[in-house]
Amino acid sequence: MMSSGDDQRSQALAKPAFSEAQACALVESEFGFQVAEVQPLPSYDDQNFRVRVSGTGDAAGGPAEYVLKISNTESSKTPDLIEVQSHVAMFLHEAGFPTASVCRAKGGGVTSLVSVDSGSRTKSHVVRLLTFLPGRPVAEVPVGPPLLYEIGRLAATLDKTLEEFHHPKLRCLRRENFIWNLRNVPLLEKYLDALGQDRNRELVGQVIRLFKDEVTAKLSHFRECVNHGDLNDHNILVEPSESASGDAVFRVSGILDFEDMSYGCYVFEVAIAIMYMMIESRDPLGVGGHVLAGFESVIPLTPAERDALFLLVCGRFCQSLVMAAHSCRLHPENAEYLMITAKTGWKHLQQMFAVGREAVEEIWFGTAKSYESGVSL
């Protein structure tokens, strides 16, 4: 049964429920484009539409494509945070990263606040219009060592580039108790009821205990930075490219979703990337070394950071799996999307513990070291 607290949280985080007609009207009223077509896109707790507009684009005046992002009511209460996230995407785009550019609203800002009547009350939503990025999610393509290495390198380069990002509201990214920041794995304890009483709950409890003992106490030894925080297999887009040998390979063509940005640590970013690249892999334990090698080609980890990597990857598995189960209780209608990671995530987390930390680290660090001699495993 849902508690009153959960019910309030469900209302606060209720996804926007704009119709396609309302989405069209939003694009036209807030951004001044004439809409040719709209198409709903999957999302976690916001609402996204793919939008084709008329009168712009190619020389013949053909349609151009955008993504309309409508933030949920809770996120919309922090418009400064959304503004900073938008400016980060623009900053990275100008620095050469494949991020979306942000269309300014009629009022000149990168966001617009709209209000809609919802029964007895009015709900406010922050809306943005971003350029549509080409490519397919990593989750839909075969991922080999070259792409894993590139994703690791991309994660490090992104964090390193953000050292130069400045904004008067940057402090918004110091999000205390933000459930998706890797330092906050212990906060999962209050959501464990979503798992029932089974082996999975025991496993998460074990991870949290180890995390508190071995990671939390050492956080001050990790180098701090701004993290993207969600470089998962659906937020990285790729397109086919031809290698020097003539083989078909994939190259990153897009980085999506800056909603989970916060101040974290370099090692958090590589742990998050490793975890999500494991999800679709046929050799999940072999993934980490290739991602780590790419990351360390830009930012070598310190001994303390390397020592925490196994538990940080496990911690991210727990965050994703526990919060998906919790969200499914609140939003059963969105269960198919919410449980994407869970299909294989529990199996991978169980396997990591069955094989053991020492053996997993040996695989990861051995693979990463092989790149030093120019021969990857």
Protein backbone atom coordinates (compact mmCIF):
# COMPACT_ATOMS: atom_id res chain seq x y z
CA MET A 1 0.00 0.00 0.00
CA MET A 2 1.29 3.49 -0.83
CA SER A 3 1.97 5.67 2.20
CA SER A 4 0.72 9.25 2.38
CA GLY A 5 4.33 10.41 1.95
CA ASP A 6 4.68 8.32 -1.20
CA ASP A 7 1.36 9.66 -2.46
CA GLN A 8 2.52 13.25 -1.99
CA ARG A 9 5.81 12.45 -3.69
CA SER A 10 3.91 10.82 -6.55
CA GLN A 11 1.85 13.97 -7.05
CA ALA A 12 4.93 16.20 -6.81
CA LEU A 13 6.86 14.12 -9.33
CA ALA A 14 3.92 13.37 -11.60
CA LYS A 15 5.08 13.33 -15.19
CA PRO A 16 3.65 16.09 -17.37
CA ALA A 17 0.74 14.84 -19.45
CA PHE A 18 0.69 17.20 -22.43
CA SER A 19 -1.12 16.04 -25.55
CA GLU A 20 0.50 16.28 -28.95
CA ALA A 21 -1.75 19.24 -29.74
CA GLN A 22 -0.63 20.99 -26.55
CA ALA A 23 3.00 20.29 -27.41
CA CYS A 24 2.48 21.88 -30.84
CA ALA A 25 0.90 24.93 -29.25
CA LEU A 26 3.80 25.22 -26.78
CA VAL A 27 6.44 25.21 -29.51
CA GLU A 28 4.53 27.83 -31.50
CA SER A 29 3.69 30.12 -28.57
CA GLU A 30 6.99 29.93 -26.66
CA PHE A 31 9.53 29.52 -29.47
CA GLY A 32 7.79 30.93 -32.53
CA PHE A 33 8.12 27.89 -34.80
CA GLN A 34 5.38 26.47 -36.99
CA VAL A 35 5.09 22.77 -36.20
CA ALA A 36 4.86 20.19 -38.97
CA GLU A 37 4.78 17.05 -36.79
CA VAL A 38 5.24 15.93 -33.17
CA GLN A 39 6.06 12.48 -31.82
CA PRO A 40 6.22 11.42 -28.13
CA LEU A 41 9.59 10.11 -26.90
CA PRO A 42 10.23 7.80 -23.91
CA SER A 43 11.40 9.45 -20.69
CA TYR A 44 11.90 8.79 -16.98
CA ASP A 45 9.93 11.47 -15.12
CA ASP A 46 9.73 14.36 -17.61
CA GLN A 47 7.93 14.47 -20.97
CA ASN A 48 9.75 14.69 -24.30
CA PHE A 49 8.50 15.19 -27.85
CA ARG A 50 10.34 14.97 -31.14
CA VAL A 51 9.26 18.02 -33.14
CA ARG A 52 9.60 18.78 -36.84
CA VAL A 53 9.14 22.45 -37.67
CA SER A 54 8.48 24.15 -40.99
CA GLY A 55 10.19 27.13 -42.54
CA THR A 56 13.69 26.42 -41.23
CA GLY A 57 16.36 23.85 -41.85
CA ASP A 58 17.77 23.22 -45.29
CA ALA A 59 18.06 25.77 -48.10
CA ALA A 60 14.73 24.69 -49.51
CA GLY A 61 12.99 25.61 -46.28
CA GLY A 62 12.42 21.99 -45.29
CA PRO A 63 11.67 20.88 -41.75
CA ALA A 64 14.26 20.91 -38.99
CA GLU A 65 14.01 18.64 -35.97
CA TYR A 66 14.03 19.48 -32.27
CA VAL A 67 13.24 17.90 -28.93
CA LEU A 68 10.70 19.64 -26.70
CA LYS A 69 11.49 18.88 -23.05
CA ILE A 70 8.77 19.49 -20.47
CA SER A 71 10.07 19.15 -16.91
CA ASN A 72 7.99 17.58 -14.15
CA THR A 73 6.47 19.86 -11.55
CA GLU A 74 9.07 19.09 -8.89
CA SER A 75 12.06 19.80 -11.17
CA SER A 76 10.29 22.92 -12.41
CA LYS A 77 10.54 24.36 -8.90
CA THR A 78 14.31 24.74 -9.48
CA PRO A 79 14.49 26.69 -12.75
CA ASP A 80 17.99 27.96 -11.89
CA LEU A 81 19.26 24.37 -11.91
CA ILE A 82 17.67 23.68 -15.30
CA GLU A 83 19.16 26.93 -16.63
CA VAL A 84 22.66 25.88 -15.52
CA GLN A 85 22.20 22.43 -17.09
CA SER A 86 21.17 24.07 -20.36
CA HIS A 87 24.17 26.39 -20.33
CA VAL A 88 26.47 23.41 -19.69
CA ALA A 89 25.10 21.68 -22.78
CA MET A 90 25.65 24.87 -24.80
CA PHE A 91 29.17 25.29 -23.41
CA LEU A 92 30.09 21.71 -24.35
CA HIS A 93 28.52 22.13 -27.80
CA GLU A 94 30.70 25.17 -28.42
CA ALA A 95 33.71 23.19 -27.20
CA GLY A 96 33.09 20.57 -29.90
CA PHE A 97 31.12 17.92 -28.00
CA PRO A 98 28.12 16.32 -29.74
CA THR A 99 25.55 17.89 -27.42
CA ALA A 100 22.32 19.56 -28.46
CA SER A 101 22.19 23.29 -28.93
CA VAL A 102 19.46 25.10 -27.04
CA CYS A 103 16.89 27.28 -28.82
CA ARG A 104 16.13 30.51 -27.02
CA ALA A 105 12.50 31.22 -26.19
CA LYS A 106 10.75 34.36 -27.43
CA GLY A 107 11.66 36.07 -24.17
CA GLY A 108 15.35 35.48 -24.84
CA GLY A 109 16.00 32.85 -22.17
CA VAL A 110 17.08 29.23 -22.60
CA THR A 111 14.01 28.08 -20.66
CA SER A 112 10.38 29.10 -20.47
CA LEU A 113 7.93 28.58 -17.60
CA VAL A 114 4.38 27.63 -18.58
CA SER A 115 1.35 27.05 -16.39
CA VAL A 116 -1.51 24.67 -17.07
CA ASP A 117 -4.81 24.11 -15.28
CA SER A 118 -4.96 20.71 -13.64
CA GLY A 119 -8.36 20.26 -12.03
CA SER A 120 -8.47 22.36 -8.90
CA ARG A 121 -4.92 23.71 -9.18
CA THR A 122 -2.42 25.13 -11.61
CA LYS A 123 0.82 23.30 -12.40
CA SER A 124 3.95 25.01 -13.68
CA HIS A 125 6.46 23.37 -16.00
CA VAL A 126 9.82 24.50 -17.33
CA VAL A 127 10.02 23.87 -21.07
CA ARG A 128 13.02 23.85 -23.39
CA LEU A 129 13.58 23.26 -27.08
CA LEU A 130 16.80 21.48 -28.07
CA THR A 131 18.15 20.52 -31.47
CA PHE A 132 17.53 16.86 -32.28
CA LEU A 133 20.70 14.76 -32.30
CA PRO A 134 21.21 11.97 -34.87
CA GLY A 135 22.15 8.43 -34.01
CA ARG A 136 21.03 5.32 -32.19
CA PRO A 137 21.40 4.67 -28.46
CA VAL A 138 24.39 2.55 -27.47
CA ALA A 139 21.85 0.07 -26.08
CA GLU A 140 20.81 -0.80 -29.65
CA VAL A 141 24.21 -1.56 -31.19
CA PRO A 142 26.94 -4.15 -30.64
CA VAL A 143 29.55 -2.55 -28.38
CA GLY A 144 33.16 -3.63 -28.76
CA PRO A 145 36.39 -2.49 -27.09
CA PRO A 146 37.02 0.51 -29.40
CA LEU A 147 33.64 2.07 -28.58
CA LEU A 148 34.00 1.29 -24.87
CA TYR A 149 37.40 2.99 -24.89
CA GLU A 150 35.95 6.01 -26.70
CA ILE A 151 33.11 6.28 -24.17
CA GLY A 152 35.59 6.17 -21.29
CA ARG A 153 37.72 8.82 -22.93
CA LEU A 154 34.63 10.93 -23.64
CA ALA A 155 33.56 10.77 -19.97
CA ALA A 156 36.95 12.00 -18.80
CA THR A 157 37.24 14.70 -21.46
CA LEU A 158 33.77 15.99 -20.63
CA ASP A 159 34.55 16.33 -16.92
CA LYS A 160 37.92 17.90 -17.63
CA THR A 161 36.37 20.43 -20.03
CA LEU A 162 33.80 21.41 -17.40
CA GLU A 163 36.66 22.63 -15.19
CA GLU A 164 36.52 25.73 -17.41
CA PHE A 165 32.75 26.22 -17.15
CA HIS A 166 31.61 29.26 -15.19
CA HIS A 167 28.11 30.47 -14.40
CA PRO A 168 26.77 32.74 -11.64
CA LYS A 169 24.37 30.01 -10.53
CA LEU A 170 26.87 27.14 -10.65
CA ARG A 171 26.38 26.51 -6.92
CA CYS A 172 23.02 24.93 -7.88
CA LEU A 173 24.99 21.82 -8.81
CA ARG A 174 25.93 21.26 -5.17
CA ARG A 175 22.79 19.20 -4.72
CA GLU A 176 22.79 17.96 -1.13
CA ASN A 177 21.10 14.56 -0.67
CA PHE A 178 20.57 14.20 -4.43
CA ILE A 179 19.75 10.50 -4.72
CA TRP A 180 21.65 10.03 -8.01
CA ASN A 181 24.97 11.43 -6.77
CA LEU A 182 27.21 8.42 -6.15
CA ARG A 183 28.29 9.72 -2.75
CA ASN A 184 24.68 9.23 -1.61
CA VAL A 185 24.37 5.45 -2.01
CA PRO A 186 23.59 5.13 1.75
CA LEU A 187 20.41 7.19 1.20
CA LEU A 188 18.95 4.16 -0.61
CA GLU A 189 18.12 2.64 2.79
CA LYS A 190 14.85 4.55 2.97
CA TYR A 191 13.70 3.08 -0.37
CA LEU A 192 14.47 -0.59 0.33
CA ASP A 193 10.83 -1.51 0.99
CA ALA A 194 10.31 -1.31 -2.77
CA LEU A 195 12.36 -4.52 -3.08
CA GLY A 196 10.29 -6.64 -0.70
CA GLN A 197 12.11 -9.26 1.37
CA ASP A 198 14.34 -11.28 -0.92
CA ARG A 199 17.89 -11.96 -2.02
CA ASN A 200 18.11 -8.69 -3.93
CA ARG A 201 17.32 -6.66 -0.85
CA GLU A 202 20.01 -8.52 1.11
CA LEU A 203 22.51 -7.81 -1.66
CA VAL A 204 21.74 -4.09 -1.70
CA GLY A 205 22.04 -4.00 2.08
CA GLN A 206 25.48 -5.61 1.81
CA VAL A 207 26.60 -3.05 -0.79
CA ILE A 208 25.40 -0.16 1.39
CA ARG A 209 27.27 -1.51 4.45
CA LEU A 210 30.50 -1.93 2.49
CA PHE A 211 30.02 1.47 0.87
CA LYS A 212 29.68 3.19 4.24
CA ASP A 213 32.76 1.42 5.60
CA GLU A 214 35.07 1.68 2.61
CA VAL A 215 33.93 4.56 0.39
CA THR A 216 32.14 7.18 2.48
CA ALA A 217 35.10 7.52 4.85
CA LYS A 218 37.46 8.12 1.92
CA LEU A 219 35.42 10.62 -0.10
CA SER A 220 37.77 13.46 0.87
CA HIS A 221 40.58 11.62 -0.98
CA PHE A 222 38.74 11.75 -4.32
CA ARG A 223 39.23 14.68 -6.71
CA GLU A 224 36.06 16.73 -7.08
CA CYS A 225 34.54 17.91 -10.36
CA VAL A 226 31.21 18.49 -12.07
CA ASN A 227 29.74 15.18 -13.29
CA HIS A 228 27.32 14.57 -16.14
CA GLY A 229 26.15 11.84 -13.80
CA ASP A 230 24.13 9.70 -16.21
CA LEU A 231 26.24 8.53 -19.14
CA ASN A 232 24.05 5.49 -19.66
CA ASP A 233 23.42 3.30 -22.70
CA HIS A 234 20.38 5.38 -23.70
CA ASN A 235 21.98 8.80 -23.20
CA ILE A 236 24.91 8.15 -25.56
CA LEU A 237 24.07 8.09 -29.27
CA VAL A 238 26.26 6.53 -31.93
CA GLU A 239 26.47 6.40 -35.71
CA PRO A 240 28.32 3.95 -37.96
CA SER A 241 31.74 4.98 -39.16
CA GLU A 242 34.41 3.22 -41.19
CA SER A 243 37.73 2.38 -39.56
CA ALA A 244 41.12 2.60 -41.27
CA SER A 245 40.92 -1.14 -41.93
CA GLY A 246 37.58 -0.74 -43.67
CA ASP A 247 35.60 -2.38 -40.86
CA ALA A 248 32.32 -0.84 -39.74
CA VAL A 249 32.63 0.75 -36.31
CA PHE A 250 30.50 3.11 -34.25
CA ARG A 251 31.38 6.62 -33.17
CA VAL A 252 29.63 8.75 -30.57
CA SER A 253 27.23 11.20 -32.26
CA GLY A 254 25.30 12.55 -29.30
CA ILE A 255 25.30 13.07 -25.53
CA LEU A 256 21.86 13.49 -24.00
CA ASP A 257 20.24 14.36 -20.68
CA PHE A 258 22.09 16.69 -18.32
CA GLU A 259 19.35 16.50 -15.67
CA ASP A 260 21.46 14.45 -13.21
CA MET A 261 24.43 16.81 -13.20
CA SER A 262 25.95 17.62 -9.82
CA TYR A 263 29.26 18.17 -8.11
CA GLY A 264 30.83 14.76 -7.73
CA CYS A 265 34.22 13.21 -8.40
CA TYR A 266 36.13 12.07 -11.47
CA VAL A 267 35.97 8.45 -10.32
CA PHE A 268 32.16 8.68 -10.09
CA GLU A 269 31.90 9.40 -13.81
CA VAL A 270 33.95 6.39 -14.88
CA ALA A 271 32.11 4.11 -12.43
CA ILE A 272 28.75 5.22 -13.83
CA ALA A 273 29.91 4.67 -17.42
CA ILE A 274 31.25 1.20 -16.59
CA MET A 275 28.02 0.16 -14.91
CA TYR A 276 25.78 1.20 -17.79
CA MET A 277 28.04 -0.26 -20.46
CA MET A 278 27.82 -3.59 -18.63
CA ILE A 279 24.03 -3.69 -19.02
CA GLU A 280 23.83 -4.83 -22.64
CA SER A 281 27.21 -6.56 -22.88
CA ARG A 282 27.64 -10.27 -23.52
CA ASP A 283 30.83 -10.06 -21.45
CA PRO A 284 29.81 -7.67 -18.67
CA LEU A 285 32.83 -8.20 -16.43
CA GLY A 286 35.16 -7.50 -19.37
CA VAL A 287 33.68 -4.06 -20.05
CA GLY A 288 35.26 -2.13 -17.19
CA GLY A 289 38.87 -2.40 -18.32
CA HIS A 290 38.23 -0.87 -21.74
CA VAL A 291 36.16 2.02 -20.33
CA LEU A 292 38.78 2.58 -17.63
CA ALA A 293 41.61 2.60 -20.18
CA GLY A 294 39.84 5.30 -22.19
CA PHE A 295 39.14 7.37 -19.09
CA GLU A 296 42.71 7.07 -17.78
CA SER A 297 44.14 8.13 -21.13
CA VAL A 298 42.87 11.58 -20.09
CA ILE A 299 42.59 11.42 -16.28
CA PRO A 300 44.60 8.64 -14.56
CA LEU A 301 42.93 7.59 -11.32
CA THR A 302 44.77 7.81 -8.01
CA PRO A 303 45.30 4.61 -5.96
CA ALA A 304 42.49 5.63 -3.59
CA GLU A 305 40.10 6.20 -6.51
CA ARG A 306 40.99 2.87 -8.11
CA ASP A 307 40.50 1.11 -4.79
CA ALA A 308 36.92 2.42 -4.61
CA LEU A 309 35.95 1.63 -8.20
CA PHE A 310 34.41 -1.81 -7.59
CA LEU A 311 32.09 -0.57 -4.84
CA LEU A 312 31.22 2.58 -6.79
CA VAL A 313 30.10 0.46 -9.76
CA CYS A 314 28.08 -1.76 -7.41
CA GLY A 315 26.67 1.37 -5.78
CA ARG A 316 25.44 2.68 -9.12
CA PHE A 317 23.79 -0.65 -9.88
CA CYS A 318 21.98 -0.36 -6.55
CA GLN A 319 20.90 3.24 -7.20
CA SER A 320 19.47 2.33 -10.59
CA LEU A 321 17.76 -0.88 -9.46
CA VAL A 322 16.32 0.38 -6.18
CA MET A 323 15.03 3.67 -7.59
CA ALA A 324 13.50 1.89 -10.60
CA ALA A 325 11.61 -0.42 -8.24
CA HIS A 326 10.53 2.55 -6.12
CA SER A 327 9.38 4.52 -9.19
CA CYS A 328 7.43 1.52 -10.48
CA ARG A 329 5.37 1.55 -7.29
CA LEU A 330 4.55 5.21 -7.88
CA HIS A 331 4.14 5.03 -11.66
CA PRO A 332 3.19 1.47 -12.72
CA GLU A 333 2.06 2.82 -16.10
CA ASN A 334 5.71 3.64 -16.91
CA ALA A 335 7.09 0.31 -15.70
CA GLU A 336 8.40 -0.89 -19.07
CA TYR A 337 10.71 2.13 -19.44
CA LEU A 338 11.65 2.28 -15.76
CA MET A 339 12.73 -1.36 -15.62
CA ILE A 340 15.04 -1.35 -18.66
CA THR A 341 18.16 -1.65 -16.51
CA ALA A 342 16.60 -4.18 -14.12
CA LYS A 343 16.24 -6.83 -16.84
CA THR A 344 19.94 -7.64 -16.62
CA GLY A 345 21.14 -5.38 -13.80
CA TRP A 346 20.39 -7.72 -10.91
CA LYS A 347 22.12 -10.58 -12.71
CA HIS A 348 25.27 -8.49 -13.27
CA LEU A 349 25.39 -7.23 -9.68
CA GLN A 350 25.00 -10.77 -8.36
CA GLN A 351 27.74 -11.96 -10.70
CA MET A 352 30.14 -9.25 -9.52
CA PHE A 353 29.77 -10.45 -5.94
CA ALA A 354 29.91 -14.12 -6.89
CA VAL A 355 33.19 -13.64 -8.79
CA GLY A 356 34.53 -11.38 -6.05
CA ARG A 357 36.07 -7.95 -5.87
CA GLU A 358 39.68 -9.06 -6.25
CA ALA A 359 39.00 -11.13 -9.37
CA VAL A 360 36.89 -8.38 -10.99
CA GLU A 361 39.58 -5.76 -10.30
CA GLU A 362 42.18 -8.08 -11.79
CA ILE A 363 40.17 -8.23 -15.01
CA TRP A 364 39.58 -4.46 -15.14
CA PHE A 365 43.06 -3.33 -14.22
CA GLY A 366 44.74 -6.00 -16.35
CA THR A 367 42.77 -4.93 -19.42
CA ALA A 368 43.48 -1.25 -18.76
CA LYS A 369 47.19 -1.97 -18.37
CA SER A 370 47.28 -3.82 -21.70
CA TYR A 371 46.51 -0.53 -23.45
CA GLU A 372 49.78 0.93 -22.17
CA SER A 373 51.67 -1.38 -24.51
CA GLY A 374 49.27 -0.64 -27.36
CA VAL A 375 47.72 -4.09 -27.31
CA SER A 376 44.22 -4.22 -25.85
CA LEU A 377 42.83 -7.52 -24.61
